[in-house]
Structures are given as C-alpha cells and as structure tokens.
Amino acid sequence: MGRTSDARQRLMDAAYKLIWEYSYGAVTIDAICERAEVKKGSFYYFFDSKSDLAAAAVDAAWGQRKKILEEMFQPEFAPLDRIRKYIDFVAQKQLEEYEASGQIWGCPIFTLGSEIYRQDEKIRAKVYEILTCLTGYFESAIRDAMAEGEMKGGDPAVKARALFNYFEGVLTHARIENNPEPIRTLTADAMAQLEARMAATTA
C-alpha cells in the first residue's frame, strides 16, 4: 500500500485540489490516485467511491478552515475587523494561487456545490452545511457590529446572506474570467456592500 499511515489523507488532499482545479465530473479515480501516489486498489481500502472520497475531502478541508474562522471571529476582535480579516485571508490565498499557477480558482466548496447539486445528495448536503455555517460567521459579526453602532440597522441574517452572495459571486466571476483584479478589491468592495460606517461618524 505504500505510505499507509498517510495514504488516506493524501487521497483526500489530491481529490480536493483536483476537483478545485478542474471539476468533480472531470476528475477520475485514476487521476486522484496518480496525484496522491496511491495505488488504485488502496483507494478502495479507504473509500467505496469517488463520492465518498469527495465528501470526506470537503469535510476535512472545512475542518481546517473552521479553525481559521474561529480564530478570526473571536468576540474580542472588532466585529467588522473579523469580516475584513477573513475576506483579506481568502483574497490573499486566491492571489497566491494565481501567482503560482496563473489561474484564479474561486471557492472550491461553492464550485463543487454548483456542479453536483442534482447529482449527489451526500455532497450537496455537506456543501450546504458548510456554506450555511460560513454565512453564520458573517451574521454573528454583523449582529455585533449593529449592537456596537458600527453598522446601520436591519436584519443581520439578510445582510449576511447579501455579503455571502457578493463574496461568492466575485470569486466565481473571477474564476470564469481568470481575472485577479476583482480579487484585489474584494475586501473593500464587500465591506461597501454592507454599507458599513464607523460609530464615530456623525450624520
């Protein structure tokens, strides 16, 4: 089986990256095994299907991302700074990938969900769970910002969904165009969409 101790993780890493780079439908088990340097027979030791692998890979990647979110969205940080910090983080990662590969990859979870939503309920449900959780982080920060007078009033859930839709829309558009420019201004533009204002600003 080769490096048995980390073969499962390498399969998940390879699947996640290949699906992100191409698409779920375009990526074969053979390609995943080749990228992971794992024999195909070993693949079936860990996973019953490509669907099972993709769901596990997405779940593992989300576990890593959630740790970052939990760090950035700690309540001691100013509410709007939590959002800015996370969007800056995502934008920087996108630009680093662009510098390395010449490609804007967009959001891997959103891209997968858009492709697979009618084909695989297990993956669709996992993607929906993740994206709902991400929106929840935005909502909690927006709610705190309103309470502290840093944002205009309104429904925090509605504002969070609007922010999420704008955020994911820019990432997707930039992927389609393979254009880094929208990513460079993503944070400023997203915050403008929230109609943010500092508490000290007077009307």
Protein backbone atom coordinates (compact mmCIF):
# COMPACT_ATOMS: atom_id res chain seq x y z
CA MET A 1 0.00 0.00 0.00
CA GLY A 2 3.00 2.29 0.25
CA ARG A 3 2.90 5.05 2.86
CA THR A 4 -0.09 3.51 4.61
CA SER A 5 -0.09 5.95 7.52
CA ASP A 6 -0.90 8.96 5.35
CA ALA A 7 -2.39 7.40 2.20
CA ARG A 8 -5.94 8.30 3.15
CA GLN A 9 -5.01 11.93 3.79
CA ARG A 10 -3.07 12.13 0.54
CA LEU A 11 -6.10 10.84 -1.35
CA MET A 12 -8.29 13.48 0.27
CA ASP A 13 -5.78 16.23 -0.42
CA ALA A 14 -5.39 15.16 -4.04
CA ALA A 15 -9.13 14.88 -4.61
CA TYR A 16 -9.83 18.28 -3.10
CA LYS A 17 -7.17 20.02 -5.16
CA LEU A 18 -8.02 18.27 -8.44
CA ILE A 19 -11.74 18.94 -8.08
CA TRP A 20 -10.93 22.57 -7.27
CA GLU A 21 -8.65 22.87 -10.30
CA TYR A 22 -10.97 21.11 -12.76
CA SER A 23 -14.39 19.79 -11.70
CA TYR A 24 -15.91 16.83 -9.91
CA GLY A 25 -17.10 15.28 -13.16
CA ALA A 26 -13.78 15.73 -14.95
CA VAL A 27 -11.64 14.15 -12.23
CA THR A 28 -11.27 10.37 -12.27
CA ILE A 29 -10.26 8.00 -9.51
CA ASP A 30 -7.18 7.14 -11.58
CA ALA A 31 -6.16 10.81 -11.66
CA ILE A 32 -6.68 11.16 -7.93
CA CYS A 33 -4.58 8.07 -7.23
CA GLU A 34 -1.85 9.29 -9.55
CA ARG A 35 -1.72 12.72 -7.87
CA ALA A 36 -1.76 11.12 -4.41
CA GLU A 37 0.80 8.46 -5.41
CA VAL A 38 -1.54 5.77 -4.08
CA LYS A 39 -2.39 2.55 -5.90
CA LYS A 40 -5.98 2.25 -7.10
CA GLY A 41 -6.52 -0.88 -5.06
CA SER A 42 -5.59 1.07 -1.97
CA PHE A 43 -8.18 3.71 -2.85
CA TYR A 44 -10.93 1.17 -2.30
CA TYR A 45 -9.41 0.18 1.02
CA PHE A 46 -10.31 3.65 2.32
CA PHE A 47 -13.30 4.72 0.21
CA ASP A 48 -16.21 2.99 -1.50
CA SER A 49 -16.50 5.56 -4.30
CA LYS A 50 -15.35 8.92 -5.62
CA SER A 51 -18.42 10.41 -3.97
CA ASP A 52 -17.35 9.12 -0.55
CA LEU A 53 -13.85 10.46 -1.08
CA ALA A 54 -15.10 13.88 -2.20
CA ALA A 55 -17.41 14.19 0.81
CA ALA A 56 -14.58 13.23 3.16
CA ALA A 57 -12.16 15.60 1.45
CA VAL A 58 -14.56 18.53 1.68
CA ASP A 59 -15.30 17.76 5.31
CA ALA A 60 -11.59 17.59 6.18
CA ALA A 61 -10.83 20.83 4.35
CA TRP A 62 -13.71 22.55 6.10
CA GLY A 63 -12.40 21.36 9.46
CA GLN A 64 -9.13 23.15 8.75
CA ARG A 65 -10.89 26.29 7.51
CA LYS A 66 -13.22 26.36 10.50
CA LYS A 67 -10.23 26.58 12.84
CA ILE A 68 -9.13 29.69 10.96
CA LEU A 69 -12.62 31.17 11.15
CA GLU A 70 -12.85 30.50 14.87
CA GLU A 71 -9.55 32.31 15.37
CA MET A 72 -10.51 35.30 13.22
CA PHE A 73 -14.06 35.65 14.57
CA GLN A 74 -13.22 35.71 18.24
CA PRO A 75 -15.50 38.16 20.08
CA GLU A 76 -12.61 40.28 21.37
CA PHE A 77 -11.95 41.46 17.81
CA ALA A 78 -13.97 44.37 16.44
CA PRO A 79 -16.95 42.90 14.52
CA LEU A 80 -16.19 44.41 11.13
CA ASP A 81 -12.50 43.62 11.52
CA ARG A 82 -13.43 39.94 11.78
CA ILE A 83 -15.09 40.09 8.38
CA ARG A 84 -12.32 42.17 6.81
CA LYS A 85 -9.65 39.84 8.14
CA TYR A 86 -11.34 36.74 6.74
CA ILE A 87 -12.03 38.21 3.31
CA ASP A 88 -8.46 39.51 3.17
CA PHE A 89 -7.26 35.99 4.00
CA VAL A 90 -9.31 34.44 1.21
CA ALA A 91 -8.26 37.09 -1.30
CA GLN A 92 -4.60 36.62 -0.44
CA LYS A 93 -4.87 32.85 -0.90
CA GLN A 94 -6.54 33.33 -4.28
CA LEU A 95 -3.81 35.71 -5.42
CA GLU A 96 -1.07 33.35 -4.20
CA GLU A 97 -2.64 30.54 -6.25
CA TYR A 98 -2.79 32.87 -9.23
CA GLU A 99 0.88 33.76 -8.91
CA ALA A 100 1.78 30.08 -8.68
CA SER A 101 -0.48 28.67 -11.40
CA GLY A 102 -1.76 31.56 -13.50
CA GLN A 103 -5.32 30.62 -12.57
CA ILE A 104 -7.94 32.13 -10.26
CA TRP A 105 -9.58 29.09 -8.69
CA GLY A 106 -12.54 30.65 -6.89
CA CYS A 107 -14.24 28.93 -3.96
CA PRO A 108 -13.80 25.15 -4.11
CA ILE A 109 -16.86 24.43 -1.97
CA PHE A 110 -19.19 26.75 -3.89
CA THR A 111 -17.88 25.48 -7.22
CA LEU A 112 -18.43 21.86 -6.22
CA GLY A 113 -21.91 22.55 -4.88
CA SER A 114 -22.94 24.35 -8.06
CA GLU A 115 -21.85 21.39 -10.15
CA ILE A 116 -23.08 18.49 -8.07
CA TYR A 117 -26.33 19.72 -6.50
CA ARG A 118 -28.58 17.43 -8.58
CA GLN A 119 -26.17 14.53 -8.88
CA ASP A 120 -25.09 13.60 -5.39
CA GLU A 121 -27.19 14.32 -2.31
CA LYS A 122 -24.42 13.42 0.14
CA ILE A 123 -22.04 16.00 -1.29
CA ARG A 124 -24.81 18.58 -1.79
CA ALA A 125 -25.86 18.31 1.84
CA LYS A 126 -22.28 18.65 3.06
CA VAL A 127 -21.68 21.71 0.87
CA TYR A 128 -24.94 23.29 2.06
CA GLU A 129 -23.96 22.68 5.69
CA ILE A 130 -20.57 24.32 5.17
CA LEU A 131 -21.85 27.36 3.32
CA THR A 132 -24.60 27.88 5.90
CA CYS A 133 -22.01 27.75 8.66
CA LEU A 134 -19.83 30.32 6.88
CA THR A 135 -22.82 32.64 6.49
CA GLY A 136 -23.41 32.22 10.21
CA TYR A 137 -19.97 33.64 11.00
CA PHE A 138 -20.79 36.68 8.89
CA GLU A 139 -24.15 37.04 10.59
CA SER A 140 -22.69 36.95 14.10
CA ALA A 141 -20.18 39.67 13.24
CA ILE A 142 -22.84 41.83 11.58
CA ARG A 143 -25.15 41.44 14.57
CA ASP A 144 -22.35 42.55 16.90
CA ALA A 145 -21.47 45.46 14.61
CA MET A 146 -25.07 46.67 14.73
CA ALA A 147 -25.17 46.35 18.51
CA GLU A 148 -21.98 48.44 18.76
CA GLY A 149 -23.22 51.10 16.34
CA GLU A 150 -20.74 50.30 13.58
CA MET A 151 -23.43 49.46 11.03
CA LYS A 152 -26.85 50.70 10.09
CA GLY A 153 -29.83 48.76 11.33
CA GLY A 154 -31.64 45.98 9.54
CA ASP A 155 -31.83 42.22 9.62
CA PRO A 156 -28.37 40.73 10.30
CA ALA A 157 -29.34 37.48 8.56
CA VAL A 158 -30.36 39.32 5.40
CA LYS A 159 -27.16 41.36 5.41
CA ALA A 160 -25.09 38.24 5.98
CA ARG A 161 -26.68 36.47 3.03
CA ALA A 162 -26.12 39.53 0.86
CA LEU A 163 -22.46 39.62 1.89
CA PHE A 164 -22.08 35.89 1.29
CA ASN A 165 -23.71 36.13 -2.15
CA TYR A 166 -21.49 39.04 -3.15
CA PHE A 167 -18.35 37.33 -1.80
CA GLU A 168 -19.02 34.06 -3.60
CA GLY A 169 -20.20 35.85 -6.73
CA VAL A 170 -16.95 37.77 -7.08
CA LEU A 171 -14.88 34.63 -6.55
CA THR A 172 -16.90 32.76 -9.17
CA HIS A 173 -16.79 35.61 -11.68
CA ALA A 174 -13.04 35.98 -11.21
CA ARG A 175 -12.62 32.23 -11.79
CA ILE A 176 -14.65 32.36 -15.00
CA GLU A 177 -12.73 35.39 -16.30
CA ASN A 178 -9.44 34.17 -14.80
CA ASN A 179 -9.04 37.77 -13.70
CA PRO A 180 -7.27 38.66 -10.43
CA GLU A 181 -8.42 42.28 -10.40
CA PRO A 182 -11.80 41.70 -8.69
CA ILE A 183 -9.95 39.73 -6.02
CA ARG A 184 -7.60 42.63 -5.31
CA THR A 185 -10.52 44.86 -4.33
CA LEU A 186 -12.72 42.14 -2.87
CA THR A 187 -12.47 43.23 0.76
CA ALA A 188 -13.14 46.92 0.15
CA ASP A 189 -15.97 46.17 -2.26
CA ALA A 190 -17.57 43.61 0.06
CA MET A 191 -17.48 45.99 3.01
CA ALA A 192 -19.04 48.68 0.85
CA GLN A 193 -21.85 46.27 0.10
CA LEU A 194 -22.55 46.12 3.82
CA GLU A 195 -22.89 49.91 3.95
CA ALA A 196 -20.50 49.91 6.87
CA ARG A 197 -19.92 53.09 8.84
CA MET A 198 -17.77 53.76 11.89
CA ALA A 199 -19.60 54.51 15.10
CA ALA A 200 -17.78 57.81 15.43
CA THR A 201 -19.11 59.08 12.10
CA THR A 202 -21.91 61.59 12.54
CA ALA A 203 -24.72 62.12 10.08
